[in-house]
Amino acid sequence: VALVIEGSDAIEGCRASIGATNPIKA
């Protein structure tokens, strides 16, 4: 599923919500 998410500082905010690439370290 591909999404475009929009909002204030969406790039950094979404990446924070996603977490670190390695789930063990997220």
mmCIF file of all heavy atoms, coordinates in Angstrom:
data_MODEL
# 
_entry.id   MODEL 
# 
loop_
_atom_site.group_PDB 
_atom_site.id 
_atom_site.type_symbol 
_atom_site.label_atom_id 
_atom_site.label_alt_id 
_atom_site.label_comp_id 
_atom_site.label_asym_id 
_atom_site.label_entity_id 
_atom_site.label_seq_id 
_atom_site.pdbx_PDB_ins_code 
_atom_site.Cartn_x 
_atom_site.Cartn_y 
_atom_site.Cartn_z 
_atom_site.occupancy 
_atom_site.B_iso_or_equiv 
_atom_site.pdbx_formal_charge 
_atom_site.auth_seq_id 
_atom_site.auth_comp_id 
_atom_site.auth_asym_id 
_atom_site.auth_atom_id 
_atom_site.pdbx_PDB_model_num 
ATOM 1   N N   . VAL A 1 1  ? 0.866  -1.170 0.000  1.00 0.00 ? 1  VAL A N   1 
ATOM 2   C CA  . VAL A 1 1  ? 0.000  0.000  0.000  1.00 0.00 ? 1  VAL A CA  1 
ATOM 3   C C   . VAL A 1 1  ? 0.907  1.226  0.000  1.00 0.00 ? 1  VAL A C   1 
ATOM 4   O O   . VAL A 1 1  ? 1.764  1.377  0.877  1.00 0.00 ? 1  VAL A O   1 
ATOM 5   C CB  . VAL A 1 1  ? -0.952 0.024  1.217  1.00 0.00 ? 1  VAL A CB  1 
ATOM 6   C CG1 . VAL A 1 1  ? -1.742 1.321  1.273  1.00 0.00 ? 1  VAL A CG1 1 
ATOM 7   C CG2 . VAL A 1 1  ? -1.901 -1.177 1.149  1.00 0.00 ? 1  VAL A CG2 1 
ATOM 8   N N   . ALA A 1 2  ? 0.735  2.065  -1.019 1.00 0.00 ? 2  ALA A N   1 
ATOM 9   C CA  . ALA A 1 2  ? 1.517  3.302  -1.145 1.00 0.00 ? 2  ALA A CA  1 
ATOM 10  C C   . ALA A 1 2  ? 0.642  4.472  -0.707 1.00 0.00 ? 2  ALA A C   1 
ATOM 11  O O   . ALA A 1 2  ? -0.542 4.538  -1.051 1.00 0.00 ? 2  ALA A O   1 
ATOM 12  C CB  . ALA A 1 2  ? 1.970  3.490  -2.589 1.00 0.00 ? 2  ALA A CB  1 
ATOM 13  N N   . LEU A 1 3  ? 1.248  5.389  0.049  1.00 0.00 ? 3  LEU A N   1 
ATOM 14  C CA  . LEU A 1 3  ? 0.527  6.535  0.603  1.00 0.00 ? 3  LEU A CA  1 
ATOM 15  C C   . LEU A 1 3  ? 1.317  7.813  0.418  1.00 0.00 ? 3  LEU A C   1 
ATOM 16  O O   . LEU A 1 3  ? 2.552  7.790  0.460  1.00 0.00 ? 3  LEU A O   1 
ATOM 17  C CB  . LEU A 1 3  ? 0.343  6.375  2.116  1.00 0.00 ? 3  LEU A CB  1 
ATOM 18  C CG  . LEU A 1 3  ? -0.298 5.111  2.625  1.00 0.00 ? 3  LEU A CG  1 
ATOM 19  C CD1 . LEU A 1 3  ? 0.256  4.731  3.971  1.00 0.00 ? 3  LEU A CD1 1 
ATOM 20  C CD2 . LEU A 1 3  ? -1.785 5.356  2.731  1.00 0.00 ? 3  LEU A CD2 1 
ATOM 21  N N   . VAL A 1 4  ? 0.608  8.898  0.261  1.00 0.00 ? 4  VAL A N   1 
ATOM 22  C CA  . VAL A 1 4  ? 1.201  10.220 0.414  1.00 0.00 ? 4  VAL A CA  1 
ATOM 23  C C   . VAL A 1 4  ? 0.568  10.789 1.668  1.00 0.00 ? 4  VAL A C   1 
ATOM 24  O O   . VAL A 1 4  ? -0.653 10.896 1.770  1.00 0.00 ? 4  VAL A O   1 
ATOM 25  C CB  . VAL A 1 4  ? 0.933  11.137 -0.797 1.00 0.00 ? 4  VAL A CB  1 
ATOM 26  C CG1 . VAL A 1 4  ? 1.498  12.537 -0.527 1.00 0.00 ? 4  VAL A CG1 1 
ATOM 27  C CG2 . VAL A 1 4  ? 1.540  10.544 -2.058 1.00 0.00 ? 4  VAL A CG2 1 
ATOM 28  N N   . ILE A 1 5  ? 1.422  11.106 2.629  1.00 0.00 ? 5  ILE A N   1 
ATOM 29  C CA  . ILE A 1 5  ? 0.986  11.683 3.890  1.00 0.00 ? 5  ILE A CA  1 
ATOM 30  C C   . ILE A 1 5  ? 1.386  13.151 3.881  1.00 0.00 ? 5  ILE A C   1 
ATOM 31  O O   . ILE A 1 5  ? 2.495  13.496 3.469  1.00 0.00 ? 5  ILE A O   1 
ATOM 32  C CB  . ILE A 1 5  ? 1.638  10.957 5.087  1.00 0.00 ? 5  ILE A CB  1 
ATOM 33  C CG1 . ILE A 1 5  ? 1.301  9.465  5.086  1.00 0.00 ? 5  ILE A CG1 1 
ATOM 34  C CG2 . ILE A 1 5  ? 1.267  11.625 6.405  1.00 0.00 ? 5  ILE A CG2 1 
ATOM 35  C CD1 . ILE A 1 5  ? -0.124 9.116  5.396  1.00 0.00 ? 5  ILE A CD1 1 
ATOM 36  N N   . GLU A 1 6  ? 0.498  14.009 4.361  1.00 0.00 ? 6  GLU A N   1 
ATOM 37  C CA  . GLU A 1 6  ? 0.746  15.441 4.343  1.00 0.00 ? 6  GLU A CA  1 
ATOM 38  C C   . GLU A 1 6  ? 0.494  16.047 5.714  1.00 0.00 ? 6  GLU A C   1 
ATOM 39  O O   . GLU A 1 6  ? -0.417 15.638 6.421  1.00 0.00 ? 6  GLU A O   1 
ATOM 40  C CB  . GLU A 1 6  ? -0.183 16.095 3.319  1.00 0.00 ? 6  GLU A CB  1 
ATOM 41  C CG  . GLU A 1 6  ? 0.042  17.574 3.140  1.00 0.00 ? 6  GLU A CG  1 
ATOM 42  C CD  . GLU A 1 6  ? -0.836 18.133 2.038  1.00 0.00 ? 6  GLU A CD  1 
ATOM 43  O OE1 . GLU A 1 6  ? -0.477 17.999 0.861  1.00 0.00 ? 6  GLU A OE1 1 
ATOM 44  O OE2 . GLU A 1 6  ? -1.884 18.696 2.379  1.00 0.00 ? 6  GLU A OE2 1 
ATOM 45  N N   . GLY A 1 7  ? 1.327  17.030 6.060  1.00 0.00 ? 7  GLY A N   1 
ATOM 46  C CA  . GLY A 1 7  ? 1.124  17.759 7.297  1.00 0.00 ? 7  GLY A CA  1 
ATOM 47  C C   . GLY A 1 7  ? 2.372  18.503 7.716  1.00 0.00 ? 7  GLY A C   1 
ATOM 48  O O   . GLY A 1 7  ? 3.400  18.470 7.026  1.00 0.00 ? 7  GLY A O   1 
ATOM 49  N N   . SER A 1 8  ? 2.304  19.153 8.855  1.00 0.00 ? 8  SER A N   1 
ATOM 50  C CA  . SER A 1 8  ? 3.442  19.901 9.374  1.00 0.00 ? 8  SER A CA  1 
ATOM 51  C C   . SER A 1 8  ? 4.590  18.955 9.695  1.00 0.00 ? 8  SER A C   1 
ATOM 52  O O   . SER A 1 8  ? 4.416  17.995 10.446 1.00 0.00 ? 8  SER A O   1 
ATOM 53  C CB  . SER A 1 8  ? 3.047  20.659 10.640 1.00 0.00 ? 8  SER A CB  1 
ATOM 54  O OG  . SER A 1 8  ? 2.086  21.637 10.340 1.00 0.00 ? 8  SER A OG  1 
ATOM 55  N N   . ASP A 1 9  ? 5.738  19.237 9.088  1.00 0.00 ? 9  ASP A N   1 
ATOM 56  C CA  . ASP A 1 9  ? 6.940  18.423 9.306  1.00 0.00 ? 9  ASP A CA  1 
ATOM 57  C C   . ASP A 1 9  ? 6.658  16.928 9.146  1.00 0.00 ? 9  ASP A C   1 
ATOM 58  O O   . ASP A 1 9  ? 7.102  16.096 9.939  1.00 0.00 ? 9  ASP A O   1 
ATOM 59  C CB  . ASP A 1 9  ? 7.555  18.719 10.675 1.00 0.00 ? 9  ASP A CB  1 
ATOM 60  C CG  . ASP A 1 9  ? 8.091  20.136 10.749 1.00 0.00 ? 9  ASP A CG  1 
ATOM 61  O OD1 . ASP A 1 9  ? 8.721  20.585 9.778  1.00 0.00 ? 9  ASP A OD1 1 
ATOM 62  O OD2 . ASP A 1 9  ? 7.883  20.795 11.782 1.00 0.00 ? 9  ASP A OD2 1 
ATOM 63  N N   . ALA A 1 10 ? 5.916  16.587 8.098  1.00 0.00 ? 10 ALA A N   1 
ATOM 64  C CA  . ALA A 1 10 ? 5.480  15.207 7.889  1.00 0.00 ? 10 ALA A CA  1 
ATOM 65  C C   . ALA A 1 10 ? 6.644  14.233 7.718  1.00 0.00 ? 10 ALA A C   1 
ATOM 66  O O   . ALA A 1 10 ? 6.554  13.090 8.166  1.00 0.00 ? 10 ALA A O   1 
ATOM 67  C CB  . ALA A 1 10 ? 4.549  15.119 6.680  1.00 0.00 ? 10 ALA A CB  1 
ATOM 68  N N   . ILE A 1 11 ? 7.715  14.653 7.080  1.00 0.00 ? 11 ILE A N   1 
ATOM 69  C CA  . ILE A 1 11 ? 8.826  13.725 6.842  1.00 0.00 ? 11 ILE A CA  1 
ATOM 70  C C   . ILE A 1 11 ? 9.427  13.279 8.170  1.00 0.00 ? 11 ILE A C   1 
ATOM 71  O O   . ILE A 1 11 ? 9.507  12.087 8.464  1.00 0.00 ? 11 ILE A O   1 
ATOM 72  C CB  . ILE A 1 11 ? 9.883  14.361 5.913  1.00 0.00 ? 11 ILE A CB  1 
ATOM 73  C CG1 . ILE A 1 11 ? 9.273  14.610 4.529  1.00 0.00 ? 11 ILE A CG1 1 
ATOM 74  C CG2 . ILE A 1 11 ? 11.134 13.474 5.819  1.00 0.00 ? 11 ILE A CG2 1 
ATOM 75  C CD1 . ILE A 1 11 ? 10.089 15.520 3.635  1.00 0.00 ? 11 ILE A CD1 1 
ATOM 76  N N   . GLU A 1 12 ? 9.834  14.229 8.980  1.00 0.00 ? 12 GLU A N   1 
ATOM 77  C CA  . GLU A 1 12 ? 10.446 13.893 10.266 1.00 0.00 ? 12 GLU A CA  1 
ATOM 78  C C   . GLU A 1 12 ? 9.437  13.233 11.209 1.00 0.00 ? 12 GLU A C   1 
ATOM 79  O O   . GLU A 1 12 ? 9.755  12.269 11.906 1.00 0.00 ? 12 GLU A O   1 
ATOM 80  C CB  . GLU A 1 12 ? 11.026 15.150 10.912 1.00 0.00 ? 12 GLU A CB  1 
ATOM 81  C CG  . GLU A 1 12 ? 11.794 14.875 12.185 1.00 0.00 ? 12 GLU A CG  1 
ATOM 82  C CD  . GLU A 1 12 ? 12.421 16.120 12.782 1.00 0.00 ? 12 GLU A CD  1 
ATOM 83  O OE1 . GLU A 1 12 ? 12.486 17.162 12.118 1.00 0.00 ? 12 GLU A OE1 1 
ATOM 84  O OE2 . GLU A 1 12 ? 12.845 16.034 13.950 1.00 0.00 ? 12 GLU A OE2 1 
ATOM 85  N N   . GLY A 1 13 ? 8.218  13.751 11.235 1.00 0.00 ? 13 GLY A N   1 
ATOM 86  C CA  . GLY A 1 13 ? 7.196  13.184 12.109 1.00 0.00 ? 13 GLY A CA  1 
ATOM 87  C C   . GLY A 1 13 ? 6.844  11.751 11.769 1.00 0.00 ? 13 GLY A C   1 
ATOM 88  O O   . GLY A 1 13 ? 6.709  10.906 12.661 1.00 0.00 ? 13 GLY A O   1 
ATOM 89  N N   . CYS A 1 14 ? 6.704  11.476 10.482 1.00 0.00 ? 14 CYS A N   1 
ATOM 90  C CA  . CYS A 1 14 ? 6.382  10.102 10.070 1.00 0.00 ? 14 CYS A CA  1 
ATOM 91  C C   . CYS A 1 14 ? 7.549  9.163  10.352 1.00 0.00 ? 14 CYS A C   1 
ATOM 92  O O   . CYS A 1 14 ? 7.349  8.030  10.804 1.00 0.00 ? 14 CYS A O   1 
ATOM 93  C CB  . CYS A 1 14 ? 5.987  10.051 8.604  1.00 0.00 ? 14 CYS A CB  1 
ATOM 94  S SG  . CYS A 1 14 ? 4.344  10.744 8.285  1.00 0.00 ? 14 CYS A SG  1 
ATOM 95  N N   . ARG A 1 15 ? 8.764  9.632  10.100 1.00 0.00 ? 15 ARG A N   1 
ATOM 96  C CA  . ARG A 1 15 ? 9.936  8.786  10.384 1.00 0.00 ? 15 ARG A CA  1 
ATOM 97  C C   . ARG A 1 15 ? 10.051 8.486  11.878 1.00 0.00 ? 15 ARG A C   1 
ATOM 98  O O   . ARG A 1 15 ? 10.408 7.383  12.276 1.00 0.00 ? 15 ARG A O   1 
ATOM 99  C CB  . ARG A 1 15 ? 11.192 9.400  9.824  1.00 0.00 ? 15 ARG A CB  1 
ATOM 100 C CG  . ARG A 1 15 ? 11.213 9.298  8.285  1.00 0.00 ? 15 ARG A CG  1 
ATOM 101 C CD  . ARG A 1 15 ? 12.473 9.806  7.666  1.00 0.00 ? 15 ARG A CD  1 
ATOM 102 N NE  . ARG A 1 15 ? 13.647 9.022  7.987  1.00 0.00 ? 15 ARG A NE  1 
ATOM 103 C CZ  . ARG A 1 15 ? 13.995 7.862  7.423  1.00 0.00 ? 15 ARG A CZ  1 
ATOM 104 N NH1 . ARG A 1 15 ? 13.216 7.332  6.489  1.00 0.00 ? 15 ARG A NH1 1 
ATOM 105 N NH2 . ARG A 1 15 ? 15.093 7.233  7.771  1.00 0.00 ? 15 ARG A NH2 1 
ATOM 106 N N   . ALA A 1 16 ? 9.706  9.449  12.726 1.00 0.00 ? 16 ALA A N   1 
ATOM 107 C CA  . ALA A 1 16 ? 9.707  9.201  14.167 1.00 0.00 ? 16 ALA A CA  1 
ATOM 108 C C   . ALA A 1 16 ? 8.650  8.155  14.525 1.00 0.00 ? 16 ALA A C   1 
ATOM 109 O O   . ALA A 1 16 ? 8.889  7.281  15.364 1.00 0.00 ? 16 ALA A O   1 
ATOM 110 C CB  . ALA A 1 16 ? 9.464  10.503 14.932 1.00 0.00 ? 16 ALA A CB  1 
ATOM 111 N N   . SER A 1 17 ? 7.488  8.241  13.883 1.00 0.00 ? 17 SER A N   1 
ATOM 112 C CA  . SER A 1 17 ? 6.425  7.260  14.124 1.00 0.00 ? 17 SER A CA  1 
ATOM 113 C C   . SER A 1 17 ? 6.830  5.876  13.652 1.00 0.00 ? 17 SER A C   1 
ATOM 114 O O   . SER A 1 17 ? 6.446  4.872  14.253 1.00 0.00 ? 17 SER A O   1 
ATOM 115 C CB  . SER A 1 17 ? 5.139  7.673  13.410 1.00 0.00 ? 17 SER A CB  1 
ATOM 116 O OG  . SER A 1 17 ? 4.621  8.849  13.949 1.00 0.00 ? 17 SER A OG  1 
ATOM 117 N N   . ILE A 1 18 ? 7.577  5.824  12.549 1.00 0.00 ? 18 ILE A N   1 
ATOM 118 C CA  . ILE A 1 18 ? 8.005  4.542  11.977 1.00 0.00 ? 18 ILE A CA  1 
ATOM 119 C C   . ILE A 1 18 ? 9.036  3.867  12.869 1.00 0.00 ? 18 ILE A C   1 
ATOM 120 O O   . ILE A 1 18 ? 8.964  2.674  13.118 1.00 0.00 ? 18 ILE A O   1 
ATOM 121 C CB  . ILE A 1 18 ? 8.558  4.751  10.551 1.00 0.00 ? 18 ILE A CB  1 
ATOM 122 C CG1 . ILE A 1 18 ? 7.425  5.129  9.605  1.00 0.00 ? 18 ILE A CG1 1 
ATOM 123 C CG2 . ILE A 1 18 ? 9.293  3.510  10.061 1.00 0.00 ? 18 ILE A CG2 1 
ATOM 124 C CD1 . ILE A 1 18 ? 7.890  5.644  8.249  1.00 0.00 ? 18 ILE A CD1 1 
ATOM 125 N N   . GLY A 1 19 ? 10.045 4.611  13.322 1.00 0.00 ? 19 GLY A N   1 
ATOM 126 C CA  . GLY A 1 19 ? 11.097 4.033  14.161 1.00 0.00 ? 19 GLY A CA  1 
ATOM 127 C C   . GLY A 1 19 ? 12.310 3.630  13.355 1.00 0.00 ? 19 GLY A C   1 
ATOM 128 O O   . GLY A 1 19 ? 12.331 3.695  12.128 1.00 0.00 ? 19 GLY A O   1 
ATOM 129 N N   . ALA A 1 20 ? 13.335 3.206  14.047 1.00 0.00 ? 20 ALA A N   1 
ATOM 130 C CA  . ALA A 1 20 ? 14.614 2.822  13.441 1.00 0.00 ? 20 ALA A CA  1 
ATOM 131 C C   . ALA A 1 20 ? 14.435 1.675  12.448 1.00 0.00 ? 20 ALA A C   1 
ATOM 132 O O   . ALA A 1 20 ? 13.547 0.830  12.602 1.00 0.00 ? 20 ALA A O   1 
ATOM 133 C CB  . ALA A 1 20 ? 15.611 2.426  14.522 1.00 0.00 ? 20 ALA A CB  1 
ATOM 134 N N   . THR A 1 21 ? 15.305 1.650  11.436 1.00 0.00 ? 21 THR A N   1 
ATOM 135 C CA  . THR A 1 21 ? 15.245 0.623  10.387 1.00 0.00 ? 21 THR A CA  1 
ATOM 136 C C   . THR A 1 21 ? 15.271 -0.779 10.975 1.00 0.00 ? 21 THR A C   1 
ATOM 137 O O   . THR A 1 21 ? 14.533 -1.662 10.538 1.00 0.00 ? 21 THR A O   1 
ATOM 138 C CB  . THR A 1 21 ? 16.417 0.805  9.406  1.00 0.00 ? 21 THR A CB  1 
ATOM 139 O OG1 . THR A 1 21 ? 16.339 2.129  8.853  1.00 0.00 ? 21 THR A OG1 1 
ATOM 140 C CG2 . THR A 1 21 ? 16.361 -0.204 8.270  1.00 0.00 ? 21 THR A CG2 1 
ATOM 141 N N   . ASN A 1 22 ? 16.127 -1.003 11.949 1.00 0.00 ? 22 ASN A N   1 
ATOM 142 C CA  . ASN A 1 22 ? 16.208 -2.300 12.612 1.00 0.00 ? 22 ASN A CA  1 
ATOM 143 C C   . ASN A 1 22 ? 15.164 -2.337 13.726 1.00 0.00 ? 22 ASN A C   1 
ATOM 144 O O   . ASN A 1 22 ? 15.292 -1.627 14.725 1.00 0.00 ? 22 ASN A O   1 
ATOM 145 C CB  . ASN A 1 22 ? 17.612 -2.504 13.192 1.00 0.00 ? 22 ASN A CB  1 
ATOM 146 C CG  . ASN A 1 22 ? 17.778 -3.868 13.818 1.00 0.00 ? 22 ASN A CG  1 
ATOM 147 O OD1 . ASN A 1 22 ? 16.811 -4.572 14.089 1.00 0.00 ? 22 ASN A OD1 1 
ATOM 148 N ND2 . ASN A 1 22 ? 19.025 -4.245 14.064 1.00 0.00 ? 22 ASN A ND2 1 
ATOM 149 N N   . PRO A 1 23 ? 14.133 -3.157 13.585 1.00 0.00 ? 23 PRO A N   1 
ATOM 150 C CA  . PRO A 1 23 ? 13.068 -3.192 14.593 1.00 0.00 ? 23 PRO A CA  1 
ATOM 151 C C   . PRO A 1 23 ? 13.570 -3.522 16.000 1.00 0.00 ? 23 PRO A C   1 
ATOM 152 O O   . PRO A 1 23 ? 12.965 -3.084 16.982 1.00 0.00 ? 23 PRO A O   1 
ATOM 153 C CB  . PRO A 1 23 ? 12.121 -4.285 14.083 1.00 0.00 ? 23 PRO A CB  1 
ATOM 154 C CG  . PRO A 1 23 ? 12.360 -4.329 12.620 1.00 0.00 ? 23 PRO A CG  1 
ATOM 155 C CD  . PRO A 1 23 ? 13.832 -4.030 12.450 1.00 0.00 ? 23 PRO A CD  1 
ATOM 156 N N   . ILE A 1 24 ? 14.666 -4.254 16.104 1.00 0.00 ? 24 ILE A N   1 
ATOM 157 C CA  . ILE A 1 24 ? 15.215 -4.590 17.417 1.00 0.00 ? 24 ILE A CA  1 
ATOM 158 C C   . ILE A 1 24 ? 15.692 -3.330 18.130 1.00 0.00 ? 24 ILE A C   1 
ATOM 159 O O   . ILE A 1 24 ? 15.641 -3.222 19.354 1.00 0.00 ? 24 ILE A O   1 
ATOM 160 C CB  . ILE A 1 24 ? 16.381 -5.596 17.270 1.00 0.00 ? 24 ILE A CB  1 
ATOM 161 C CG1 . ILE A 1 24 ? 15.916 -6.871 16.557 1.00 0.00 ? 24 ILE A CG1 1 
ATOM 162 C CG2 . ILE A 1 24 ? 17.018 -5.911 18.612 1.00 0.00 ? 24 ILE A CG2 1 
ATOM 163 C CD1 . ILE A 1 24 ? 14.819 -7.623 17.251 1.00 0.00 ? 24 ILE A CD1 1 
ATOM 164 N N   . LYS A 1 25 ? 16.136 -2.332 17.345 1.00 0.00 ? 25 LYS A N   1 
ATOM 165 C CA  . LYS A 1 25 ? 16.638 -1.080 17.914 1.00 0.00 ? 25 LYS A CA  1 
ATOM 166 C C   . LYS A 1 25 ? 15.586 0.032  17.903 1.00 0.00 ? 25 LYS A C   1 
ATOM 167 O O   . LYS A 1 25 ? 15.834 1.110  18.432 1.00 0.00 ? 25 LYS A O   1 
ATOM 168 C CB  . LYS A 1 25 ? 17.874 -0.625 17.148 1.00 0.00 ? 25 LYS A CB  1 
ATOM 169 C CG  . LYS A 1 25 ? 19.038 -1.590 17.304 1.00 0.00 ? 25 LYS A CG  1 
ATOM 170 C CD  . LYS A 1 25 ? 20.252 -1.137 16.543 1.00 0.00 ? 25 LYS A CD  1 
ATOM 171 C CE  . LYS A 1 25 ? 21.380 -2.157 16.737 1.00 0.00 ? 25 LYS A CE  1 
ATOM 172 N NZ  . LYS A 1 25 ? 22.562 -1.799 15.961 1.00 0.00 ? 25 LYS A NZ  1 
ATOM 173 N N   . ALA A 1 26 ? 14.438 -0.226 17.315 1.00 0.00 ? 26 ALA A N   1 
ATOM 174 C CA  . ALA A 1 26 ? 13.384 0.788  17.232 1.00 0.00 ? 26 ALA A CA  1 
ATOM 175 C C   . ALA A 1 26 ? 12.723 0.971  18.602 1.00 0.00 ? 26 ALA A C   1 
ATOM 176 O O   . ALA A 1 26 ? 12.532 0.008  19.352 1.00 0.00 ? 26 ALA A O   1 
ATOM 177 C CB  . ALA A 1 26 ? 12.341 0.376  16.189 1.00 0.00 ? 26 ALA A CB  1 
# 
